[in-house]
Amino acid sequence: MHIIGIDHIQLAMPSGEEEDARAFYQGLLGLREVSKPAHLAARGGCWFEGEGAKIHLGVEAEFVPARKAHPGLLVRDLSRLSERLEDAGFPTITDQPLDGYNRRYVSDPFGNRLELMERC
């Protein structure tokens, strides 16, 4: 047996902040929201999908943002996405180069760190 891929990543969020999640992940990052199964929907949170990426945001009662652990998301047109995020009040941070990628970090509305990576 061996790992063959990642189905989704899950990040935590505070209770009652689904609209902020939608504004960021759907409105700014361009992911589409998908319905959660009924037995999970009652817990709150949101699920989003895009080309090759699934992000589940789950409510955590004692929420603490992931500031070091993070997903690395492949993007197209990193400079345009960064500009869009910054215009919306989400500063991006350029980090040391990584062979084959341009990359920046951004925090979601809850302080979770995301790495945005564009192949070059």
Protein backbone atom coordinates (compact mmCIF):
# COMPACT_ATOMS: atom_id res chain seq x y z
CA MET A 1 0.00 0.00 0.00
CA HIS A 2 1.11 3.55 -0.65
CA ILE A 3 -0.19 7.10 -0.79
CA ILE A 4 -1.44 7.96 -4.28
CA GLY A 5 -2.55 11.57 -3.78
CA ILE A 6 -4.33 14.04 -1.58
CA ASP A 7 -8.10 14.27 -1.82
CA HIS A 8 -8.43 17.54 0.11
CA ILE A 9 -6.89 19.68 2.80
CA GLN A 10 -8.75 20.89 5.83
CA LEU A 11 -8.16 24.18 7.57
CA ALA A 12 -9.83 25.37 10.73
CA MET A 13 -11.98 28.46 11.08
CA PRO A 14 -13.92 30.12 13.89
CA SER A 15 -17.64 29.53 14.29
CA GLY A 16 -20.04 31.77 12.36
CA GLU A 17 -17.48 33.12 9.87
CA GLU A 18 -18.71 31.29 6.76
CA GLU A 19 -19.44 34.52 4.87
CA ASP A 20 -15.84 35.68 5.32
CA ALA A 21 -14.69 32.26 4.13
CA ARG A 22 -16.88 32.54 1.02
CA ALA A 23 -15.68 36.07 0.27
CA PHE A 24 -12.04 34.95 0.41
CA TYR A 25 -11.98 31.42 -0.99
CA GLN A 26 -14.75 31.89 -3.56
CA GLY A 27 -14.68 35.62 -4.20
CA LEU A 28 -10.92 36.20 -4.24
CA LEU A 29 -9.31 32.82 -4.91
CA GLY A 30 -11.96 31.77 -7.43
CA LEU A 31 -12.84 28.40 -5.90
CA ARG A 32 -16.44 27.29 -6.05
CA GLU A 33 -18.35 26.29 -2.95
CA VAL A 34 -19.67 22.74 -2.89
CA SER A 35 -22.37 21.42 -0.60
CA LYS A 36 -21.28 19.50 2.44
CA PRO A 37 -23.04 16.21 3.17
CA ALA A 38 -26.12 16.85 5.35
CA HIS A 39 -24.66 15.07 8.38
CA LEU A 40 -21.60 17.37 8.26
CA ALA A 41 -23.34 20.62 7.29
CA ALA A 42 -24.77 21.00 10.79
CA ARG A 43 -21.22 21.45 12.12
CA GLY A 44 -20.71 24.66 10.12
CA GLY A 45 -17.82 25.49 7.87
CA CYS A 46 -17.54 25.46 4.08
CA TRP A 47 -16.07 23.28 1.36
CA PHE A 48 -14.48 24.71 -1.78
CA GLU A 49 -13.13 23.15 -4.97
CA GLY A 50 -11.21 24.30 -7.98
CA GLU A 51 -9.06 22.84 -10.71
CA GLY A 52 -6.99 20.26 -8.84
CA ALA A 53 -7.71 21.59 -5.34
CA LYS A 54 -10.23 20.88 -2.61
CA ILE A 55 -10.20 22.92 0.59
CA HIS A 56 -12.47 22.10 3.51
CA LEU A 57 -12.90 24.69 6.24
CA GLY A 58 -14.11 23.20 9.48
CA VAL A 59 -15.27 25.02 12.58
CA GLU A 60 -13.02 24.54 15.56
CA ALA A 61 -14.32 25.62 18.97
CA GLU A 62 -10.87 26.52 20.32
CA PHE A 63 -9.74 28.00 16.99
CA VAL A 64 -6.06 28.80 16.52
CA PRO A 65 -4.87 29.72 13.01
CA ALA A 66 -2.25 27.62 11.24
CA ARG A 67 0.57 30.15 10.90
CA LYS A 68 3.38 27.76 9.96
CA ALA A 69 1.68 24.63 8.61
CA HIS A 70 0.07 25.50 5.29
CA PRO A 71 -1.16 24.22 1.94
CA GLY A 72 0.88 25.03 -1.16
CA LEU A 73 -1.64 25.99 -3.84
CA LEU A 74 -0.65 26.00 -7.51
CA VAL A 75 -1.94 29.12 -9.26
CA ARG A 76 -1.91 30.79 -12.65
CA ASP A 77 -0.94 34.47 -12.90
CA LEU A 78 0.48 34.90 -9.41
CA SER A 79 1.10 38.61 -9.87
CA ARG A 80 -2.52 39.29 -10.82
CA LEU A 81 -3.86 37.16 -7.96
CA SER A 82 -1.49 38.88 -5.52
CA GLU A 83 -2.68 42.28 -6.69
CA ARG A 84 -6.31 41.20 -6.29
CA LEU A 85 -5.66 39.94 -2.76
CA GLU A 86 -3.75 43.06 -1.76
CA ASP A 87 -6.48 45.33 -3.18
CA ALA A 88 -8.92 43.45 -0.93
CA GLY A 89 -6.74 44.00 2.15
CA PHE A 90 -4.83 40.70 2.20
CA PRO A 91 -1.11 41.47 1.90
CA THR A 92 1.08 38.91 0.17
CA ILE A 93 4.65 38.17 1.20
CA THR A 94 7.36 37.11 -1.23
CA ASP A 95 9.65 34.46 0.24
CA GLN A 96 13.00 33.04 -0.80
CA PRO A 97 13.02 31.54 -4.28
CA LEU A 98 12.24 27.87 -4.76
CA ASP A 99 13.58 26.22 -7.93
CA GLY A 100 10.91 26.24 -10.61
CA TYR A 101 8.40 28.42 -8.76
CA ASN A 102 7.48 31.98 -8.05
CA ARG A 103 5.69 32.04 -4.73
CA ARG A 104 4.05 34.23 -2.16
CA TYR A 105 2.31 33.73 1.14
CA VAL A 106 -1.04 35.16 2.20
CA SER A 107 -3.19 34.67 5.29
CA ASP A 108 -6.88 33.92 4.95
CA PRO A 109 -9.40 35.98 6.97
CA PHE A 110 -8.77 33.74 9.97
CA GLY A 111 -4.95 33.91 9.96
CA ASN A 112 -4.31 30.55 8.26
CA ARG A 113 -1.19 30.70 6.09
CA LEU A 114 -1.48 29.80 2.39
CA GLU A 115 1.42 29.45 -0.05
CA LEU A 116 0.57 30.51 -3.59
CA MET A 117 2.92 28.89 -6.12
CA GLU A 118 3.26 29.49 -9.84
CA ARG A 119 5.50 27.33 -11.98
CA CYS A 120 8.05 29.31 -13.94
